[in-house]
């Protein structure tokens, strides 16, 4: 429809981005950018509440589900690193509505299963040190949102999540699965 903003546009704008200045307008990139800005303590102005409100509205729409999952996953991965310049999981959860919190729990359960599966393979987990020491801002945003620190100095990332799913692990539930579970 003419004049209607898409879900990625709405999310990008809630994080303070002017849509025409967003080079890669894919859902995954927009989610990463919005999460990185919303989780950062260094960004002038607090966009987190607005991102939370827009995400909650998008979570009510089946078409917005994948974007909200990507946003929540990126936010969780960012908070997992326990860095001072990033908000905590509790701070982020405090601004999320009930639909987003349902997504939060599903994503958290998925990553817990990935970590458990990965440990069960017997192969050593990689250290978080290499990811957390990156200084290039763009690379940092990509690495910090696609890897999850486990609290013991190790991490799992997208490659482990993919291997987990290929090994028969359950993917993050879809919109209808979560919606029916939440009723």
N, C-alpha and C. Protein backbone atom coordinates (compact mmCIF):
# COMPACT_ATOMS: atom_id res chain seq x y z
N UNK A 1 0.84 -1.17 0.00
CA UNK A 1 0.00 0.00 0.00
C UNK A 1 0.89 1.25 0.00
N UNK A 2 0.58 2.23 -0.82
CA UNK A 2 1.36 3.46 -0.89
C UNK A 2 1.24 4.23 0.41
N UNK A 3 2.34 4.76 0.85
CA UNK A 3 2.32 5.57 2.07
C UNK A 3 2.47 4.76 3.35
N UNK A 4 2.37 3.46 3.27
CA UNK A 4 2.54 2.63 4.47
C UNK A 4 3.98 2.22 4.60
N UNK A 5 4.48 2.34 5.81
CA UNK A 5 5.86 1.92 6.06
C UNK A 5 5.89 0.42 6.31
N UNK A 6 6.94 -0.21 5.82
CA UNK A 6 7.11 -1.65 6.04
C UNK A 6 7.57 -1.89 7.48
N UNK A 7 7.50 -3.14 7.89
CA UNK A 7 7.96 -3.49 9.23
C UNK A 7 9.42 -3.10 9.44
N UNK A 8 10.33 -3.42 8.51
CA UNK A 8 11.72 -2.99 8.71
C UNK A 8 11.87 -1.46 8.78
N UNK A 9 11.08 -0.75 7.99
CA UNK A 9 11.13 0.72 8.05
C UNK A 9 10.71 1.21 9.43
N UNK A 10 9.63 0.66 9.94
CA UNK A 10 9.13 1.09 11.25
C UNK A 10 10.17 0.82 12.34
N UNK A 11 10.79 -0.36 12.27
CA UNK A 11 11.80 -0.70 13.28
C UNK A 11 13.02 0.20 13.15
N UNK A 12 13.48 0.42 11.93
CA UNK A 12 14.64 1.28 11.72
C UNK A 12 14.37 2.69 12.24
N UNK A 13 13.21 3.22 11.93
CA UNK A 13 12.86 4.57 12.37
C UNK A 13 12.73 4.66 13.88
N UNK A 14 12.24 3.56 14.51
CA UNK A 14 12.12 3.57 15.98
C UNK A 14 13.49 3.65 16.64
N UNK A 15 14.52 3.15 15.94
CA UNK A 15 15.88 3.19 16.46
C UNK A 15 16.62 4.46 16.06
N UNK A 16 15.92 5.35 15.36
CA UNK A 16 16.50 6.64 15.02
C UNK A 16 17.15 6.72 13.66
N UNK A 17 16.96 5.70 12.82
CA UNK A 17 17.55 5.71 11.49
C UNK A 17 16.57 6.31 10.49
N UNK A 18 17.05 7.14 9.60
CA UNK A 18 16.25 7.62 8.49
C UNK A 18 16.31 6.53 7.43
N UNK A 19 15.16 6.04 7.02
CA UNK A 19 15.08 4.87 6.16
C UNK A 19 15.92 5.02 4.90
N UNK A 20 15.91 6.18 4.29
CA UNK A 20 16.65 6.33 3.04
C UNK A 20 18.16 6.25 3.24
N UNK A 21 18.63 6.33 4.49
CA UNK A 21 20.05 6.22 4.78
C UNK A 21 20.47 4.82 5.23
N UNK A 22 19.51 3.89 5.24
CA UNK A 22 19.82 2.51 5.59
C UNK A 22 20.25 1.80 4.31
N UNK A 23 21.54 1.49 4.22
CA UNK A 23 22.07 0.90 2.98
C UNK A 23 21.52 -0.49 2.72
N UNK A 24 21.63 -1.39 3.69
CA UNK A 24 21.13 -2.76 3.54
C UNK A 24 19.79 -2.81 4.27
N UNK A 25 18.71 -2.85 3.51
CA UNK A 25 17.37 -2.79 4.09
C UNK A 25 16.76 -4.16 4.36
N UNK A 26 17.60 -5.19 4.41
CA UNK A 26 17.10 -6.53 4.72
C UNK A 26 16.65 -6.57 6.18
N UNK A 27 15.71 -7.45 6.46
CA UNK A 27 15.19 -7.57 7.82
C UNK A 27 16.29 -7.87 8.83
N UNK A 28 17.18 -8.79 8.48
CA UNK A 28 18.24 -9.17 9.42
C UNK A 28 19.17 -8.00 9.72
N UNK A 29 19.51 -7.22 8.72
CA UNK A 29 20.38 -6.07 8.94
C UNK A 29 19.67 -5.00 9.76
N UNK A 30 18.42 -4.73 9.46
CA UNK A 30 17.67 -3.73 10.21
C UNK A 30 17.53 -4.16 11.67
N UNK A 31 17.25 -5.43 11.91
CA UNK A 31 17.14 -5.93 13.28
C UNK A 31 18.46 -5.76 14.02
N UNK A 32 19.57 -6.10 13.34
CA UNK A 32 20.89 -5.95 13.96
C UNK A 32 21.17 -4.49 14.30
N UNK A 33 20.90 -3.60 13.36
CA UNK A 33 21.16 -2.17 13.60
C UNK A 33 20.31 -1.64 14.75
N UNK A 34 19.04 -1.99 14.75
CA UNK A 34 18.14 -1.51 15.80
C UNK A 34 18.56 -2.07 17.16
N UNK A 35 18.91 -3.34 17.21
CA UNK A 35 19.33 -3.97 18.47
C UNK A 35 20.61 -3.32 18.99
N UNK A 36 21.56 -3.10 18.11
CA UNK A 36 22.85 -2.55 18.52
C UNK A 36 22.67 -1.15 19.09
N UNK A 37 21.85 -0.35 18.46
CA UNK A 37 21.60 1.02 18.95
C UNK A 37 20.79 0.99 20.24
N UNK A 38 19.74 0.17 20.27
CA UNK A 38 18.88 0.12 21.45
C UNK A 38 19.60 -0.42 22.68
N UNK A 39 20.53 -1.34 22.48
CA UNK A 39 21.25 -1.94 23.61
C UNK A 39 22.42 -1.09 24.08
N UNK A 40 22.84 -0.15 23.27
CA UNK A 40 24.02 0.66 23.60
C UNK A 40 23.69 1.74 24.62
N UNK A 41 24.57 1.87 25.59
CA UNK A 41 24.43 2.97 26.57
C UNK A 41 25.03 4.27 26.03
N UNK A 42 25.83 4.17 24.97
CA UNK A 42 26.56 5.32 24.46
C UNK A 42 25.77 6.16 23.46
N UNK A 43 24.66 5.63 22.96
CA UNK A 43 23.88 6.35 21.96
C UNK A 43 23.13 7.48 22.63
N UNK A 44 23.26 8.70 22.10
CA UNK A 44 22.52 9.83 22.68
C UNK A 44 21.01 9.60 22.55
N UNK A 45 20.28 9.90 23.59
CA UNK A 45 18.84 9.67 23.59
C UNK A 45 18.56 8.20 23.81
N UNK A 46 17.47 7.91 24.44
CA UNK A 46 17.13 6.52 24.77
C UNK A 46 16.10 6.02 23.78
N UNK A 47 16.55 5.25 22.79
CA UNK A 47 15.64 4.72 21.79
C UNK A 47 15.05 3.38 22.21
N UNK A 48 15.58 2.77 23.25
CA UNK A 48 15.12 1.45 23.67
C UNK A 48 13.60 1.38 23.89
N UNK A 49 12.99 2.32 24.62
CA UNK A 49 11.54 2.22 24.81
C UNK A 49 10.75 2.26 23.49
N UNK A 50 11.18 3.10 22.56
CA UNK A 50 10.49 3.18 21.27
C UNK A 50 10.68 1.89 20.48
N UNK A 51 11.88 1.35 20.48
CA UNK A 51 12.13 0.08 19.79
C UNK A 51 11.25 -1.01 20.41
N UNK A 52 11.14 -1.01 21.73
CA UNK A 52 10.29 -1.99 22.41
C UNK A 52 8.82 -1.86 22.02
N UNK A 53 8.32 -0.62 21.93
CA UNK A 53 6.92 -0.41 21.55
C UNK A 53 6.66 -0.87 20.11
N UNK A 54 7.54 -0.50 19.22
CA UNK A 54 7.37 -0.90 17.81
C UNK A 54 7.48 -2.42 17.68
N UNK A 55 8.43 -3.02 18.37
CA UNK A 55 8.59 -4.48 18.31
C UNK A 55 7.32 -5.18 18.81
N UNK A 56 6.71 -4.66 19.86
CA UNK A 56 5.50 -5.27 20.40
C UNK A 56 4.37 -5.20 19.36
N UNK A 57 4.26 -4.08 18.67
CA UNK A 57 3.24 -3.97 17.62
C UNK A 57 3.53 -4.94 16.48
N UNK A 58 4.79 -5.05 16.10
CA UNK A 58 5.17 -5.97 15.03
C UNK A 58 4.95 -7.42 15.45
N UNK A 59 5.13 -7.73 16.72
CA UNK A 59 4.96 -9.10 17.21
C UNK A 59 3.51 -9.55 17.14
N UNK A 60 2.59 -8.59 17.06
CA UNK A 60 1.17 -8.93 16.95
C UNK A 60 0.80 -9.35 15.54
N UNK A 61 1.68 -9.09 14.58
CA UNK A 61 1.43 -9.39 13.17
C UNK A 61 2.27 -10.59 12.76
N UNK A 62 1.65 -11.58 12.13
CA UNK A 62 2.41 -12.75 11.69
C UNK A 62 3.53 -12.33 10.74
N UNK A 63 3.28 -11.34 9.90
CA UNK A 63 4.29 -10.88 8.94
C UNK A 63 5.50 -10.25 9.63
N UNK A 64 5.35 -9.78 10.85
CA UNK A 64 6.45 -9.16 11.58
C UNK A 64 7.22 -10.11 12.47
N UNK A 65 6.78 -11.36 12.55
CA UNK A 65 7.37 -12.32 13.49
C UNK A 65 8.87 -12.52 13.28
N UNK A 66 9.28 -12.80 12.06
CA UNK A 66 10.70 -13.07 11.82
C UNK A 66 11.57 -11.87 12.17
N UNK A 67 11.08 -10.67 11.90
CA UNK A 67 11.83 -9.46 12.24
C UNK A 67 11.96 -9.32 13.76
N UNK A 68 10.89 -9.59 14.48
CA UNK A 68 10.93 -9.50 15.95
C UNK A 68 11.84 -10.58 16.52
N UNK A 69 11.80 -11.77 15.98
CA UNK A 69 12.70 -12.84 16.44
C UNK A 69 14.15 -12.41 16.23
N UNK A 70 14.45 -11.87 15.06
CA UNK A 70 15.82 -11.42 14.78
C UNK A 70 16.24 -10.32 15.74
N UNK A 71 15.35 -9.37 16.01
CA UNK A 71 15.65 -8.28 16.94
C UNK A 71 15.92 -8.82 18.33
N UNK A 72 15.02 -9.66 18.83
CA UNK A 72 15.16 -10.21 20.18
C UNK A 72 16.42 -11.06 20.28
N UNK A 73 16.69 -11.86 19.27
CA UNK A 73 17.89 -12.69 19.27
C UNK A 73 19.15 -11.81 19.33
N UNK A 74 19.16 -10.75 18.54
CA UNK A 74 20.30 -9.83 18.56
C UNK A 74 20.44 -9.14 19.91
N UNK A 75 19.32 -8.72 20.49
CA UNK A 75 19.36 -8.08 21.82
C UNK A 75 19.90 -9.05 22.86
N UNK A 76 19.42 -10.29 22.83
CA UNK A 76 19.90 -11.28 23.80
C UNK A 76 21.39 -11.55 23.63
N UNK A 77 21.81 -11.70 22.39
CA UNK A 77 23.23 -11.96 22.16
C UNK A 77 24.07 -10.80 22.66
N UNK A 78 23.63 -9.59 22.41
CA UNK A 78 24.36 -8.42 22.90
C UNK A 78 24.45 -8.41 24.42
N UNK A 79 23.34 -8.65 25.09
CA UNK A 79 23.34 -8.60 26.56
C UNK A 79 24.15 -9.74 27.16
N UNK A 80 24.27 -10.85 26.43
CA UNK A 80 24.99 -12.00 26.97
C UNK A 80 26.46 -11.71 27.22
N UNK A 81 26.99 -10.70 26.55
CA UNK A 81 28.42 -10.41 26.67
C UNK A 81 28.77 -9.70 27.97
N UNK A 82 27.78 -9.17 28.68
CA UNK A 82 28.02 -8.55 29.98
C UNK A 82 28.94 -7.34 29.93
N UNK A 83 28.87 -6.59 28.86
CA UNK A 83 29.75 -5.42 28.70
C UNK A 83 29.10 -4.17 29.27
N UNK A 84 29.91 -3.33 29.90
CA UNK A 84 29.39 -2.11 30.52
C UNK A 84 28.70 -1.18 29.54
N UNK A 85 29.17 -1.15 28.29
CA UNK A 85 28.60 -0.23 27.32
C UNK A 85 27.26 -0.71 26.77
N UNK A 86 26.86 -1.92 27.17
CA UNK A 86 25.58 -2.47 26.72
C UNK A 86 24.63 -2.65 27.89
N UNK A 87 23.36 -2.53 27.61
CA UNK A 87 22.34 -2.72 28.63
C UNK A 87 22.27 -4.19 29.04
N UNK A 88 21.68 -4.43 30.17
CA UNK A 88 21.50 -5.79 30.67
C UNK A 88 20.21 -6.38 30.10
N UNK A 89 20.09 -7.69 30.20
CA UNK A 89 18.86 -8.36 29.76
C UNK A 89 17.66 -7.83 30.55
N UNK A 90 17.84 -7.58 31.83
CA UNK A 90 16.74 -7.09 32.66
C UNK A 90 16.27 -5.71 32.21
N UNK A 91 17.21 -4.84 31.84
CA UNK A 91 16.84 -3.51 31.35
C UNK A 91 16.05 -3.61 30.05
N UNK A 92 16.44 -4.50 29.20
CA UNK A 92 15.74 -4.65 27.92
C UNK A 92 14.38 -5.30 28.12
N UNK A 93 14.33 -6.35 28.91
CA UNK A 93 13.05 -7.02 29.15
C UNK A 93 12.03 -6.09 29.79
N UNK A 94 12.50 -5.12 30.55
CA UNK A 94 11.59 -4.18 31.23
C UNK A 94 10.79 -3.32 30.25
N UNK A 95 11.26 -3.16 29.03
CA UNK A 95 10.52 -2.33 28.06
C UNK A 95 9.78 -3.17 27.03
N UNK A 96 9.90 -4.48 27.10
CA UNK A 96 9.22 -5.34 26.14
C UNK A 96 7.82 -5.70 26.62
N UNK A 97 6.91 -5.76 25.66
CA UNK A 97 5.54 -6.16 25.96
C UNK A 97 5.42 -7.67 26.03
N UNK A 98 4.21 -8.15 26.35
CA UNK A 98 4.01 -9.59 26.55
C UNK A 98 4.32 -10.45 25.32
N UNK A 99 4.01 -9.97 24.13
CA UNK A 99 4.30 -10.75 22.92
C UNK A 99 5.81 -10.88 22.72
N UNK A 100 6.51 -9.78 22.92
CA UNK A 100 7.97 -9.81 22.76
C UNK A 100 8.61 -10.67 23.85
N UNK A 101 8.05 -10.66 25.03
CA UNK A 101 8.59 -11.50 26.09
C UNK A 101 8.38 -12.98 25.79
N UNK A 102 7.29 -13.31 25.11
CA UNK A 102 7.06 -14.68 24.67
C UNK A 102 8.14 -15.08 23.67
N UNK A 103 8.45 -14.18 22.74
CA UNK A 103 9.52 -14.42 21.77
C UNK A 103 10.85 -14.54 22.53
N UNK A 104 11.07 -13.66 23.51
CA UNK A 104 12.30 -13.68 24.30
C UNK A 104 12.54 -15.07 24.90
N UNK A 105 11.49 -15.62 25.53
CA UNK A 105 11.62 -16.94 26.17
C UNK A 105 11.91 -18.02 25.14
N UNK A 106 11.26 -17.96 23.98
CA UNK A 106 11.48 -18.96 22.94
C UNK A 106 12.91 -18.89 22.41
N UNK A 107 13.39 -17.68 22.16
CA UNK A 107 14.75 -17.50 21.65
C UNK A 107 15.77 -17.95 22.70
N UNK A 108 15.52 -17.59 23.95
CA UNK A 108 16.42 -17.98 25.03
C UNK A 108 16.48 -19.51 25.15
N UNK A 109 15.34 -20.16 25.04
CA UNK A 109 15.30 -21.62 25.10
C UNK A 109 16.05 -22.26 23.94
N UNK A 110 15.92 -21.67 22.77
CA UNK A 110 16.63 -22.17 21.60
C UNK A 110 18.14 -22.11 21.82
N UNK A 111 18.64 -20.94 22.24
CA UNK A 111 20.08 -20.79 22.42
C UNK A 111 20.62 -21.64 23.56
N UNK A 112 19.82 -21.86 24.60
CA UNK A 112 20.23 -22.76 25.69
C UNK A 112 20.38 -24.18 25.14
N UNK A 113 19.46 -24.58 24.27
CA UNK A 113 19.54 -25.91 23.66
C UNK A 113 20.76 -26.03 22.74
N UNK A 114 21.06 -24.96 22.01
CA UNK A 114 22.24 -24.96 21.14
C UNK A 114 23.50 -25.15 21.98
N UNK A 115 23.61 -24.39 23.08
CA UNK A 115 24.79 -24.47 23.94
C UNK A 115 24.92 -25.86 24.56
N UNK A 116 23.80 -26.41 25.02
CA UNK A 116 23.82 -27.75 25.62
C UNK A 116 24.23 -28.79 24.58
N UNK A 117 23.65 -28.70 23.40
CA UNK A 117 24.00 -29.63 22.32
C UNK A 117 25.48 -29.52 21.97
N UNK A 118 25.94 -28.28 21.85
CA UNK A 118 27.34 -28.05 21.45
C UNK A 118 28.30 -28.61 22.49
N UNK A 119 27.99 -28.43 23.76
CA UNK A 119 28.84 -28.99 24.82
C UNK A 119 28.82 -30.51 24.77
N UNK A 120 27.67 -31.06 24.41
CA UNK A 120 27.53 -32.51 24.33
C UNK A 120 28.31 -33.15 23.20
N UNK A 121 28.75 -32.36 22.24
CA UNK A 121 29.54 -32.91 21.14
C UNK A 121 30.95 -33.25 21.58
N UNK A 122 31.37 -32.70 22.72
CA UNK A 122 32.71 -32.97 23.23
C UNK A 122 33.80 -32.08 22.65
N UNK A 123 33.47 -31.32 21.63
CA UNK A 123 34.46 -30.40 21.06
C UNK A 123 34.52 -29.15 21.93
N UNK A 124 35.71 -28.60 22.12
CA UNK A 124 35.81 -27.40 22.96
C UNK A 124 35.10 -26.21 22.31
N UNK A 125 34.49 -25.41 23.15
CA UNK A 125 33.83 -24.19 22.68
C UNK A 125 34.87 -23.10 22.48
N UNK A 126 34.58 -22.20 21.58
CA UNK A 126 35.50 -21.09 21.31
C UNK A 126 35.39 -20.04 22.41
N UNK A 127 36.47 -19.31 22.60
CA UNK A 127 36.53 -18.24 23.59
C UNK A 127 35.78 -17.01 23.09
N UNK A 128 35.25 -16.25 24.02
CA UNK A 128 34.59 -14.99 23.66
C UNK A 128 35.61 -13.89 23.39
N UNK A 129 36.82 -14.10 23.82
CA UNK A 129 37.86 -13.06 23.75
C UNK A 129 38.04 -12.48 22.35
N UNK A 130 38.10 -13.34 21.34
CA UNK A 130 38.34 -12.83 19.99
C UNK A 130 37.19 -11.96 19.49
N UNK A 131 35.98 -12.29 19.83
CA UNK A 131 34.82 -11.52 19.39
C UNK A 131 34.71 -10.21 20.16
N UNK A 132 34.94 -10.26 21.44
CA UNK A 132 34.76 -9.07 22.28
C UNK A 132 35.89 -8.06 22.15
N UNK A 133 37.01 -8.47 21.58
CA UNK A 133 38.14 -7.55 21.46
C UNK A 133 38.14 -6.79 20.13
N UNK A 134 37.19 -7.03 19.26
CA UNK A 134 37.12 -6.34 17.97
C UNK A 134 36.85 -4.86 18.18
N UNK A 135 37.58 -4.01 17.50
CA UNK A 135 37.43 -2.57 17.67
C UNK A 135 36.67 -1.89 16.54
N UNK A 136 36.64 -2.48 15.35
CA UNK A 136 35.89 -1.90 14.24
C UNK A 136 34.40 -1.95 14.56
N UNK A 137 33.74 -0.80 14.56
CA UNK A 137 32.34 -0.70 15.00
C UNK A 137 31.40 -1.56 14.15
N UNK A 138 31.55 -1.56 12.84
CA UNK A 138 30.67 -2.35 11.99
C UNK A 138 30.86 -3.83 12.20
N UNK A 139 32.10 -4.26 12.27
CA UNK A 139 32.40 -5.67 12.50
C UNK A 139 31.95 -6.08 13.90
N UNK A 140 32.14 -5.20 14.84
CA UNK A 140 31.72 -5.47 16.22
C UNK A 140 30.21 -5.72 16.26
N UNK A 141 29.44 -4.87 15.61
CA UNK A 141 27.98 -5.04 15.60
C UNK A 141 27.60 -6.40 15.03
N UNK A 142 28.24 -6.79 13.94
CA UNK A 142 27.95 -8.10 13.34
C UNK A 142 28.33 -9.25 14.25
N UNK A 143 29.51 -9.19 14.83
CA UNK A 143 29.99 -10.29 15.67
C UNK A 143 29.26 -10.36 17.00
N UNK A 144 29.01 -9.23 17.62
CA UNK A 144 28.37 -9.22 18.93
C UNK A 144 26.91 -9.66 18.85
N UNK A 145 26.25 -9.42 17.72
CA UNK A 145 24.85 -9.84 17.59
C UNK A 145 24.71 -11.27 17.09
N UNK A 146 25.76 -11.84 16.53
CA UNK A 146 25.66 -13.19 15.99
C UNK A 146 26.34 -14.24 16.87
N UNK A 147 26.86 -13.83 18.00
CA UNK A 147 27.49 -14.74 18.95
C UNK A 147 26.90 -14.51 20.33
N UNK A 148 26.83 -15.59 21.11
CA UNK A 148 26.29 -15.51 22.46
C UNK A 148 27.33 -15.99 23.45
N UNK A 149 27.69 -15.11 24.40
CA UNK A 149 28.61 -15.49 25.47
C UNK A 149 27.87 -16.37 26.46
N UNK A 150 28.55 -17.38 26.96
CA UNK A 150 27.91 -18.34 27.85
C UNK A 150 28.23 -18.15 29.32
N UNK A 151 28.99 -17.15 29.66
CA UNK A 151 29.26 -16.87 31.07
C UNK A 151 30.50 -17.54 31.62
N UNK A 152 31.06 -18.48 30.89
CA UNK A 152 32.27 -19.16 31.34
C UNK A 152 33.46 -18.81 30.46
N UNK A 153 33.32 -17.74 29.69
CA UNK A 153 34.40 -17.33 28.80
C UNK A 153 34.33 -17.97 27.42
N UNK A 154 33.28 -18.78 27.19
CA UNK A 154 33.10 -19.41 25.89
C UNK A 154 31.87 -18.82 25.19
N UNK A 155 31.70 -19.22 23.93
CA UNK A 155 30.58 -18.68 23.17
C UNK A 155 30.08 -19.71 22.16
N UNK A 156 28.86 -19.49 21.74
CA UNK A 156 28.29 -20.18 20.59
C UNK A 156 27.81 -19.10 19.63
N UNK A 157 27.74 -19.45 18.36
CA UNK A 157 27.32 -18.48 17.36
C UNK A 157 26.40 -19.10 16.34
N UNK A 158 26.21 -18.36 15.27
CA UNK A 158 25.30 -18.80 14.23
C UNK A 158 25.71 -20.14 13.62
N UNK A 159 27.00 -20.38 13.51
CA UNK A 159 27.43 -21.66 12.92
C UNK A 159 27.00 -22.82 13.81
N UNK A 160 27.09 -22.68 15.11
CA UNK A 160 26.64 -23.74 16.02
C UNK A 160 25.12 -23.89 15.96
N UNK A 161 24.41 -22.78 15.83
CA UNK A 161 22.95 -22.85 15.73
C UNK A 161 22.53 -23.60 14.47
N UNK A 162 23.21 -23.35 13.38
CA UNK A 162 22.91 -24.04 12.13
C UNK A 162 23.21 -25.54 12.26
N UNK A 163 24.36 -25.87 12.82
CA UNK A 163 24.71 -27.28 13.02
C UNK A 163 23.71 -27.97 13.94
N UNK A 164 23.26 -27.28 14.97
CA UNK A 164 22.26 -27.80 15.91
C UNK A 164 20.98 -28.16 15.16
N UNK A 165 20.51 -27.25 14.32
CA UNK A 165 19.29 -27.52 13.56
C UNK A 165 19.49 -28.66 12.57
N UNK A 166 20.65 -28.71 11.92
CA UNK A 166 20.93 -29.79 10.97
C UNK A 166 21.01 -31.14 11.67
N UNK A 167 21.41 -31.12 12.95
CA UNK A 167 21.50 -32.36 13.73
C UNK A 167 20.15 -32.78 14.29
N UNK A 168 19.10 -32.03 13.96
CA UNK A 168 17.76 -32.40 14.40
C UNK A 168 17.23 -31.57 15.54
N UNK A 169 17.98 -30.56 15.98
CA UNK A 169 17.50 -29.69 17.04
C UNK A 169 16.36 -28.81 16.56
N UNK A 170 15.45 -28.51 17.46
CA UNK A 170 14.27 -27.71 17.12
C UNK A 170 14.65 -26.26 16.86
N UNK A 171 14.09 -25.71 15.80
CA UNK A 171 14.29 -24.29 15.46
C UNK A 171 13.47 -23.43 16.42
N UNK A 172 13.68 -22.14 16.35
CA UNK A 172 12.86 -21.19 17.12
C UNK A 172 11.43 -21.31 16.61
N UNK A 173 10.47 -21.43 17.51
CA UNK A 173 9.08 -21.60 17.06
C UNK A 173 8.60 -20.44 16.19
N UNK A 174 7.71 -20.78 15.26
CA UNK A 174 7.11 -19.78 14.39
C UNK A 174 6.00 -19.02 15.11
N UNK A 175 5.44 -18.07 14.41
CA UNK A 175 4.41 -17.19 14.96
C UNK A 175 3.24 -17.99 15.51
N UNK A 176 2.71 -18.90 14.73
CA UNK A 176 1.51 -19.65 15.16
C UNK A 176 1.81 -20.56 16.35
N UNK A 177 2.99 -21.16 16.36
CA UNK A 177 3.37 -22.01 17.49
C UNK A 177 3.42 -21.18 18.77
N UNK A 178 4.06 -20.00 18.69
CA UNK A 178 4.15 -19.15 19.88
C UNK A 178 2.80 -18.57 20.26
N UNK A 179 2.04 -18.16 19.27
CA UNK A 179 0.73 -17.56 19.55
C UNK A 179 -0.19 -18.56 20.23
N UNK A 180 -0.20 -19.79 19.72
CA UNK A 180 -1.05 -20.82 20.34
C UNK A 180 -0.54 -21.20 21.72
N UNK A 181 0.79 -21.20 21.92
CA UNK A 181 1.35 -21.54 23.22
C UNK A 181 1.06 -20.44 24.24
N UNK A 182 0.94 -19.20 23.76
CA UNK A 182 0.72 -18.07 24.67
C UNK A 182 -0.72 -17.91 25.09
N UNK A 183 -1.63 -18.72 24.56
CA UNK A 183 -3.05 -18.57 24.91
C UNK A 183 -3.46 -19.53 25.99
